[in-house]
Amino acid sequence: METWKRNLWLLWAGCFVTSASYSMVVPFLPLFLPQIGVHEHTETWSGLLFSAAFFAGAISSPYWGSVADKYGRKPMIIRAGFVLAVVYTLTAFVTNPYQLLALRITQGLLSGFIPGAIALVGTNTPETKVGYALSMMSTSTATGNIMGPLIGGMIARFVNNRMAFASAGIMVFLVTFIVILWVKEERFVPAKTRSSVVDALKIAAGNRSLMNVLLLTMLTSLSIMTIEPLLSLYVEDMVGPSKNTSILAGLIFSLSGFAAIFFAPRWGKRADKVGFRKVLLIGLIFGGLWTLAQIPFPNIWGFSILRFVYGAFFCAVFPALNGLVVRSTAEDFRGRAFGLNQTANQIGGVLGPMLGGYVGEIGSIHTVFWATGLLLLASAGMAYWNGLGRPVQPANEPVQAKKALHP
């Protein structure tokens, strides 16, 4: 088997396990808090624990991207994998929320398995296969996000939450060991110097195409996160209070993930033929339109069908954005570029729920759907009018940033 194919399948498995391990424990943190003595202000602690890792990751991602450009993406994947394994395992033994908060911050500061894996695949895959490979990577996280809560819920149900955390740690440790043994990073052009985060930002600021991609990543992440935290409440409004509401909401929430598993590889092959920009526009436009189409459907079955159709189109967006990061940057800057892209994604992930909660408070859940759909359409307009995917020359130093504008 060719090296790039072996890397793709091994890192697909690694991202699947990493994503599943995350989703098998993090959604259950609110249920874990009473077990460690938190019986008041549970909602506040839950929000703090969820956001702490995002904030920490947004700060640290550009730094680890700079290290990856100097020493390689594979070492960064291994580092992040072992950190996650240790954090999840230690979480099984916490006795108070402050210990849990410290571990969540550590996770955010030192993790980065999935961004590192995407960067390695994006830079070690033949140019004609990049779209397909990145789309396949998106199916790994989608599958993990679907299977994780099921696995974690079963372990917590039949054993306990602590065993779920320990199991997640063991799973991540095993896939990290597999990466050490069999993943090979052949196409690696090391940066001459390891630039600071400020220098990386200066270089990125001189690359208009990359800055547009980063802004689109933030806006897209913000858009979808305005509505996703409120989906369970919307389902409850449609079907009424029931002991099965959480299960039904979880199934509906997973529909877009199931659609991604089937359709993302097709969009990736399409991107290899027509370009990432065209596929991105299709994903944003139809993602926005199908979001708006969900508003007049109070019936749970019609709403479920629309969620699946929405997922079939929207799954084209993030692989296309990752592909544009590759197309817009030189090889010696891609670690930093993916680090900045991860920061943009996490900023959107933090701001989106805040915006959705505010809009839902002053309006209604339908108002949030309107906001999400219009934001996606606005992002499509931005992608249409701005040049994306323009190749650039190597840029190791900030003074070279201007050259990136005119390759």
Protein backbone atom coordinates (compact mmCIF):
# COMPACT_ATOMS: atom_id res chain seq x y z
CA MET A 1 0.00 0.00 0.00
CA GLU A 2 1.24 3.49 -0.85
CA THR A 3 2.47 5.51 2.11
CA TRP A 4 -0.14 8.25 1.74
CA LYS A 5 -2.94 5.68 1.75
CA ARG A 6 -1.55 3.95 4.84
CA ASN A 7 -1.21 7.30 6.59
CA LEU A 8 -4.77 8.19 5.64
CA TRP A 9 -6.32 5.02 7.03
CA LEU A 10 -4.22 4.92 10.18
CA LEU A 11 -4.88 8.58 10.96
CA TRP A 12 -8.54 8.08 10.06
CA ALA A 13 -8.67 5.44 12.77
CA GLY A 14 -6.73 7.69 15.13
CA CYS A 15 -9.07 10.65 14.62
CA PHE A 16 -12.09 8.39 14.95
CA VAL A 17 -10.88 7.07 18.32
CA THR A 18 -9.82 10.55 19.49
CA SER A 19 -13.16 12.06 18.49
CA ALA A 20 -15.10 9.15 20.00
CA SER A 21 -13.11 9.34 23.24
CA TYR A 22 -13.90 13.05 23.49
CA SER A 23 -17.62 12.65 22.83
CA MET A 24 -17.92 9.60 25.09
CA VAL A 25 -16.86 11.61 28.15
CA VAL A 26 -17.25 15.38 27.66
CA PRO A 27 -21.07 15.40 27.11
CA PHE A 28 -21.41 13.54 30.42
CA LEU A 29 -19.41 16.04 32.49
CA PRO A 30 -22.61 17.64 33.93
CA LEU A 31 -23.69 14.19 35.15
CA PHE A 32 -20.23 13.58 36.62
CA LEU A 33 -20.16 16.77 38.68
CA PRO A 34 -22.50 15.57 41.48
CA GLN A 35 -20.25 12.54 41.91
CA ILE A 36 -17.36 14.82 42.87
CA GLY A 37 -19.35 16.97 45.26
CA VAL A 38 -20.85 19.69 43.03
CA HIS A 39 -24.49 20.10 44.05
CA GLU A 40 -24.86 23.87 43.54
CA HIS A 41 -24.15 26.07 40.51
CA THR A 42 -23.89 22.93 38.38
CA GLU A 43 -24.77 24.84 35.19
CA THR A 44 -22.03 27.40 35.86
CA TRP A 45 -19.43 24.71 36.46
CA SER A 46 -20.55 22.84 33.33
CA GLY A 47 -20.19 25.93 31.17
CA LEU A 48 -16.79 26.72 32.68
CA LEU A 49 -15.50 23.19 32.10
CA PHE A 50 -16.75 23.14 28.51
CA SER A 51 -15.30 26.52 27.57
CA ALA A 52 -11.98 26.22 29.43
CA ALA A 53 -10.49 23.75 26.95
CA PHE A 54 -11.69 25.84 23.98
CA PHE A 55 -10.12 29.03 25.33
CA ALA A 56 -6.86 27.26 26.17
CA GLY A 57 -6.75 25.59 22.77
CA ALA A 58 -7.40 28.86 20.95
CA ILE A 59 -4.38 30.37 22.70
CA SER A 60 -1.97 27.46 22.27
CA SER A 61 -2.81 26.16 18.76
CA PRO A 62 -0.64 28.69 16.84
CA TYR A 63 2.34 27.86 19.09
CA TRP A 64 2.08 24.13 18.46
CA GLY A 65 1.64 24.85 14.76
CA SER A 66 4.96 26.71 14.81
CA VAL A 67 6.66 23.78 16.56
CA ALA A 68 5.16 21.41 13.96
CA ASP A 69 6.63 23.46 11.11
CA LYS A 70 10.06 23.16 12.71
CA TYR A 71 10.06 19.54 13.88
CA GLY A 72 7.25 17.82 11.95
CA ARG A 73 3.54 17.05 12.36
CA LYS A 74 4.01 13.46 13.49
CA PRO A 75 5.81 14.42 16.74
CA MET A 76 2.99 16.85 17.52
CA ILE A 77 0.36 14.14 16.97
CA ILE A 78 2.24 11.82 19.31
CA ARG A 79 2.63 14.54 21.94
CA ALA A 80 -1.06 15.42 21.79
CA GLY A 81 -2.11 11.77 21.91
CA PHE A 82 -0.13 11.01 25.05
CA VAL A 83 -1.39 14.20 26.71
CA LEU A 84 -4.99 13.23 25.99
CA ALA A 85 -4.40 9.71 27.28
CA VAL A 86 -2.94 11.04 30.55
CA VAL A 87 -5.65 13.70 31.00
CA TYR A 88 -8.52 11.27 30.45
CA THR A 89 -6.96 8.68 32.75
CA LEU A 90 -6.33 11.21 35.53
CA THR A 91 -9.91 12.49 35.15
CA ALA A 92 -11.09 9.09 36.36
CA PHE A 93 -9.49 9.86 39.74
CA VAL A 94 -10.50 13.51 40.36
CA THR A 95 -12.24 14.29 43.65
CA ASN A 96 -13.26 17.93 43.18
CA PRO A 97 -14.19 20.32 40.33
CA TYR A 98 -10.96 22.32 40.61
CA GLN A 99 -8.91 19.28 39.69
CA LEU A 100 -11.25 18.65 36.77
CA LEU A 101 -10.91 22.28 35.62
CA ALA A 102 -7.11 22.05 35.77
CA LEU A 103 -7.17 18.92 33.61
CA ARG A 104 -9.53 20.54 31.09
CA ILE A 105 -7.20 23.55 30.77
CA THR A 106 -4.22 21.21 30.37
CA GLN A 107 -6.11 19.34 27.66
CA GLY A 108 -6.76 22.56 25.77
CA LEU A 109 -3.19 23.84 26.10
CA LEU A 110 -1.41 20.64 25.07
CA SER A 111 -3.80 18.75 22.76
CA GLY A 112 -4.09 18.95 18.97
CA PHE A 113 -4.23 15.36 17.70
CA ILE A 114 -6.90 15.94 15.04
CA PRO A 115 -5.50 19.24 13.61
CA GLY A 116 -2.06 17.63 13.47
CA ALA A 117 -3.43 14.57 11.68
CA ILE A 118 -5.27 16.75 9.15
CA ALA A 119 -2.11 18.78 8.53
CA LEU A 120 -0.03 15.62 7.98
CA VAL A 121 -2.57 14.14 5.58
CA GLY A 122 -2.93 17.43 3.75
CA THR A 123 0.82 17.74 3.18
CA ASN A 124 1.67 14.06 2.49
CA THR A 125 -1.05 13.26 -0.03
CA PRO A 126 -0.69 13.67 -3.82
CA GLU A 127 -2.17 16.97 -5.02
CA THR A 128 -4.85 15.19 -7.06
CA LYS A 129 -6.07 13.28 -3.97
CA VAL A 130 -6.02 16.00 -1.31
CA GLY A 131 -9.75 16.72 -1.49
CA TYR A 132 -10.66 13.05 -1.15
CA ALA A 133 -8.22 12.52 1.73
CA LEU A 134 -9.38 15.55 3.73
CA SER A 135 -13.01 14.60 3.23
CA MET A 136 -12.29 11.10 4.48
CA MET A 137 -10.70 12.63 7.57
CA SER A 138 -13.91 14.56 8.20
CA THR A 139 -15.87 11.30 8.13
CA SER A 140 -13.63 9.94 10.90
CA THR A 141 -14.55 12.75 13.30
CA ALA A 142 -18.21 12.57 12.26
CA THR A 143 -18.30 8.83 12.95
CA GLY A 144 -16.51 9.30 16.25
CA ASN A 145 -18.96 11.99 17.32
CA ILE A 146 -21.83 9.61 16.59
CA MET A 147 -20.38 6.53 18.28
CA GLY A 148 -18.74 8.27 21.24
CA PRO A 149 -21.88 9.17 23.22
CA LEU A 150 -23.27 5.67 22.64
CA ILE A 151 -20.08 4.00 23.90
CA GLY A 152 -19.69 6.41 26.81
CA GLY A 153 -23.34 6.14 27.78
CA MET A 154 -23.20 2.34 27.84
CA ILE A 155 -20.02 2.30 29.96
CA ALA A 156 -21.47 4.87 32.36
CA ARG A 157 -24.76 2.96 32.52
CA PHE A 158 -23.32 -0.48 33.22
CA VAL A 159 -20.15 0.53 35.13
CA ASN A 160 -19.65 4.23 36.00
CA ASN A 161 -18.45 7.56 34.61
CA ARG A 162 -14.96 7.10 35.99
CA MET A 163 -14.51 3.92 33.97
CA ALA A 164 -15.64 5.81 30.86
CA PHE A 165 -12.84 8.35 31.37
CA ALA A 166 -10.27 5.61 31.97
CA SER A 167 -11.45 3.73 28.86
CA ALA A 168 -11.06 6.89 26.78
CA GLY A 169 -7.49 7.29 28.03
CA ILE A 170 -6.58 3.71 27.12
CA MET A 171 -8.12 4.04 23.64
CA VAL A 172 -6.18 7.21 22.82
CA PHE A 173 -2.94 5.69 24.15
CA LEU A 174 -3.32 2.69 21.81
CA VAL A 175 -3.94 4.74 18.66
CA THR A 176 -1.00 7.01 19.55
CA PHE A 177 1.23 3.94 19.76
CA ILE A 178 -0.03 2.90 16.30
CA VAL A 179 0.94 6.34 14.95
CA ILE A 180 4.46 5.91 16.36
CA LEU A 181 4.92 2.56 14.64
CA TRP A 182 3.34 2.96 11.21
CA VAL A 183 2.60 6.57 10.23
CA LYS A 184 5.36 8.08 8.09
CA GLU A 185 5.81 11.77 7.33
CA GLU A 186 7.77 11.78 4.08
CA ARG A 187 7.00 15.18 2.59
CA PHE A 188 8.19 17.53 5.28
CA VAL A 189 9.97 20.83 4.59
CA PRO A 190 11.16 22.17 7.97
CA ALA A 191 11.00 25.88 8.62
CA LYS A 192 14.45 27.44 8.94
CA THR A 193 13.53 28.95 12.28
CA ARG A 194 10.70 28.41 14.74
CA SER A 195 8.80 31.68 14.62
CA SER A 196 6.83 33.07 17.52
CA VAL A 197 3.04 33.25 17.53
CA VAL A 198 3.28 36.98 16.78
CA ASP A 199 5.52 36.28 13.78
CA ALA A 200 3.10 33.63 12.54
CA LEU A 201 0.25 36.12 12.78
CA LYS A 202 2.28 38.69 10.84
CA ILE A 203 3.01 36.19 8.06
CA ALA A 204 -0.63 35.12 7.95
CA ALA A 205 -1.75 38.76 7.84
CA GLY A 206 0.28 39.20 4.66
CA ASN A 207 -1.52 36.28 3.00
CA ARG A 208 -4.94 37.59 2.00
CA SER A 209 -6.20 34.22 0.82
CA LEU A 210 -5.31 32.52 4.13
CA MET A 211 -6.86 35.33 6.18
CA ASN A 212 -10.10 34.92 4.24
CA VAL A 213 -10.07 31.19 4.97
CA LEU A 214 -9.48 31.82 8.69
CA LEU A 215 -12.35 34.31 8.81
CA LEU A 216 -14.64 31.89 6.98
CA THR A 217 -13.69 29.11 9.40
CA MET A 218 -14.56 31.30 12.38
CA LEU A 219 -17.86 32.48 10.84
CA THR A 220 -18.88 28.96 9.83
CA SER A 221 -18.08 27.52 13.26
CA LEU A 222 -19.91 30.41 14.91
CA SER A 223 -22.92 29.91 12.62
CA ILE A 224 -23.49 26.24 13.33
CA MET A 225 -22.79 26.60 17.05
CA THR A 226 -25.57 29.19 17.40
CA ILE A 227 -28.16 26.48 16.84
CA GLU A 228 -26.63 23.12 17.78
CA PRO A 229 -26.66 23.66 21.59
CA LEU A 230 -30.39 24.49 21.34
CA LEU A 231 -31.48 21.55 19.18
CA SER A 232 -32.50 19.40 22.14
CA LEU A 233 -34.80 22.17 23.40
CA TYR A 234 -36.33 22.50 19.94
CA VAL A 235 -36.98 18.76 19.78
CA GLU A 236 -38.62 18.90 23.20
CA ASP A 237 -40.88 21.71 21.97
CA MET A 238 -41.98 19.54 19.04
CA VAL A 239 -42.60 16.25 20.85
CA GLY A 240 -43.31 17.47 24.39
CA PRO A 241 -41.52 16.47 27.62
CA SER A 242 -40.68 12.78 27.69
CA LYS A 243 -38.13 10.45 29.18
CA ASN A 244 -37.11 9.60 25.61
CA THR A 245 -36.54 13.23 24.57
CA SER A 246 -32.79 13.11 25.15
CA ILE A 247 -32.45 9.92 23.09
CA LEU A 248 -34.54 11.37 20.25
CA ALA A 249 -32.59 14.63 20.35
CA GLY A 250 -29.34 12.68 20.19
CA LEU A 251 -30.52 10.73 17.17
CA ILE A 252 -31.61 13.89 15.35
CA PHE A 253 -28.35 15.60 16.30
CA SER A 254 -26.47 12.66 14.75
CA LEU A 255 -28.32 12.77 11.43
CA SER A 256 -25.98 15.37 9.94
CA GLY A 257 -23.06 13.18 11.04
CA PHE A 258 -24.55 10.14 9.31
CA ALA A 259 -24.99 12.25 6.16
CA ALA A 260 -21.33 13.30 6.36
CA ILE A 261 -20.19 9.68 6.44
CA PHE A 262 -21.98 9.00 3.15
CA PHE A 263 -21.50 12.27 1.27
CA ALA A 264 -18.19 13.81 2.46
CA PRO A 265 -15.98 11.48 0.35
CA ARG A 266 -18.07 12.36 -2.72
CA TRP A 267 -17.60 16.06 -2.10
CA GLY A 268 -13.87 15.46 -1.66
CA LYS A 269 -13.58 13.76 -5.05
CA ARG A 270 -15.61 16.59 -6.54
CA ALA A 271 -13.24 19.15 -5.02
CA ASP A 272 -10.25 17.40 -6.62
CA LYS A 273 -11.92 17.94 -10.01
CA VAL A 274 -13.52 21.40 -9.78
CA GLY A 275 -11.62 23.01 -6.91
CA PHE A 276 -12.20 23.58 -3.19
CA ARG A 277 -13.73 27.02 -3.67
CA LYS A 278 -16.66 25.77 -5.75
CA VAL A 279 -17.39 22.94 -3.32
CA LEU A 280 -17.17 25.36 -0.39
CA LEU A 281 -19.72 27.66 -2.06
CA ILE A 282 -22.12 24.76 -2.64
CA GLY A 283 -21.80 23.63 0.98
CA LEU A 284 -22.35 27.11 2.44
CA ILE A 285 -25.21 28.12 0.14
CA PHE A 286 -27.21 24.92 0.45
CA GLY A 287 -26.29 24.55 4.12
CA GLY A 288 -27.78 27.99 4.71
CA LEU A 289 -30.88 27.34 2.59
CA TRP A 290 -31.62 23.98 4.21
CA THR A 291 -31.16 25.55 7.65
CA LEU A 292 -33.81 28.13 6.77
CA ALA A 293 -36.02 25.36 5.34
CA GLN A 294 -36.16 23.73 8.78
CA ILE A 295 -38.07 26.70 10.26
CA PRO A 296 -41.61 25.93 8.98
CA PHE A 297 -41.46 22.21 9.87
CA PRO A 298 -42.94 21.59 13.33
CA ASN A 299 -43.29 17.88 12.52
CA ILE A 300 -40.46 15.79 13.93
CA TRP A 301 -40.21 13.53 10.89
CA GLY A 302 -40.04 16.35 8.37
CA PHE A 303 -37.52 18.14 10.55
CA SER A 304 -35.38 14.98 10.75
CA ILE A 305 -35.34 14.58 6.96
CA LEU A 306 -34.27 18.20 6.54
CA ARG A 307 -31.48 17.77 9.10
CA PHE A 308 -30.12 14.86 7.07
CA VAL A 309 -30.31 16.79 3.79
CA TYR A 310 -28.64 19.76 5.48
CA GLY A 311 -25.81 17.48 6.63
CA ALA A 312 -25.40 16.04 3.13
CA PHE A 313 -24.48 19.51 1.83
CA PHE A 314 -22.84 21.09 4.86
CA CYS A 315 -20.33 18.24 5.23
CA ALA A 316 -18.55 19.74 2.20
CA VAL A 317 -17.61 22.92 4.08
CA PHE A 318 -14.87 22.09 6.59
CA PRO A 319 -12.90 19.70 4.33
CA ALA A 320 -13.00 22.41 1.64
CA LEU A 321 -11.73 24.99 4.14
CA ASN A 322 -8.92 22.63 5.17
CA GLY A 323 -8.09 22.09 1.51
CA LEU A 324 -7.94 25.85 0.99
CA VAL A 325 -5.50 26.13 3.90
CA VAL A 326 -3.24 23.71 2.00
CA ARG A 327 -3.70 25.55 -1.29
CA SER A 328 -3.11 28.98 0.27
CA THR A 329 0.13 28.25 2.13
CA ALA A 330 3.64 26.97 1.49
CA GLU A 331 4.66 23.64 3.02
CA ASP A 332 6.97 25.27 5.57
CA PHE A 333 4.07 27.30 7.01
CA ARG A 334 1.24 24.77 7.03
CA GLY A 335 1.66 23.68 10.64
CA ARG A 336 1.23 27.28 11.75
CA ALA A 337 -1.60 27.78 9.26
CA PHE A 338 -3.55 24.80 10.61
CA GLY A 339 -2.84 25.98 14.15
CA LEU A 340 -4.33 29.37 13.32
CA ASN A 341 -7.25 27.66 11.58
CA GLN A 342 -7.89 25.61 14.72
CA THR A 343 -7.85 28.82 16.77
CA ALA A 344 -10.39 30.39 14.41
CA ASN A 345 -12.58 27.30 14.72
CA GLN A 346 -12.44 27.38 18.51
CA ILE A 347 -13.18 31.10 18.69
CA GLY A 348 -16.31 30.44 16.65
CA GLY A 349 -17.12 27.50 18.94
CA VAL A 350 -16.97 29.78 21.97
CA LEU A 351 -18.86 32.74 20.48
CA GLY A 352 -21.56 30.72 18.71
CA PRO A 353 -23.40 29.38 21.78
CA MET A 354 -23.25 32.85 23.38
CA LEU A 355 -24.80 34.43 20.28
CA GLY A 356 -27.40 31.66 19.96
CA GLY A 357 -28.39 31.99 23.62
CA TYR A 358 -28.73 35.77 23.30
CA VAL A 359 -30.73 35.64 20.06
CA GLY A 360 -32.97 32.89 21.46
CA GLU A 361 -33.52 34.93 24.62
CA ILE A 362 -34.65 38.10 22.82
CA GLY A 363 -36.51 36.26 20.06
CA SER A 364 -37.31 32.57 19.72
CA ILE A 365 -35.72 29.33 18.56
CA HIS A 366 -36.89 30.16 15.03
CA THR A 367 -34.99 33.43 15.25
CA VAL A 368 -31.84 31.41 15.92
CA PHE A 369 -32.50 29.32 12.81
CA TRP A 370 -32.84 32.54 10.82
CA ALA A 371 -29.56 33.84 12.25
CA THR A 372 -27.73 30.59 11.49
CA GLY A 373 -29.02 30.31 7.92
CA LEU A 374 -28.32 33.96 7.09
CA LEU A 375 -24.82 33.77 8.57
CA LEU A 376 -24.03 30.76 6.37
CA LEU A 377 -25.35 32.58 3.29
CA ALA A 378 -23.32 35.66 4.22
CA SER A 379 -20.25 33.44 4.52
CA ALA A 380 -21.00 32.09 1.04
CA GLY A 381 -21.13 35.66 -0.26
CA MET A 382 -17.76 36.38 1.30
CA ALA A 383 -16.27 33.21 -0.20
CA TYR A 384 -17.61 34.20 -3.64
CA TRP A 385 -16.24 37.74 -3.68
CA ASN A 386 -12.81 37.05 -2.15
CA GLY A 387 -10.01 35.14 -3.83
CA LEU A 388 -9.31 31.83 -2.12
CA GLY A 389 -6.80 29.04 -2.62
CA ARG A 390 -4.16 31.25 -4.21
CA PRO A 391 -0.78 29.43 -3.91
CA VAL A 392 2.02 31.26 -2.13
CA GLN A 393 5.79 31.14 -1.87
CA PRO A 394 7.56 29.84 1.26
CA ALA A 395 7.42 32.40 4.04
CA ASN A 396 9.65 31.62 7.01
CA GLU A 397 10.04 35.18 8.21
CA PRO A 398 7.56 38.03 8.73
CA VAL A 399 9.42 40.24 6.24
CA GLN A 400 8.46 37.78 3.51
CA ALA A 401 4.76 38.17 4.17
CA LYS A 402 4.32 40.74 1.41
CA LYS A 403 5.63 38.24 -1.14
CA ALA A 404 2.75 35.92 -0.30
CA LEU A 405 0.37 38.45 -1.80
CA HIS A 406 2.03 38.29 -5.19
CA PRO A 407 3.36 34.78 -5.84
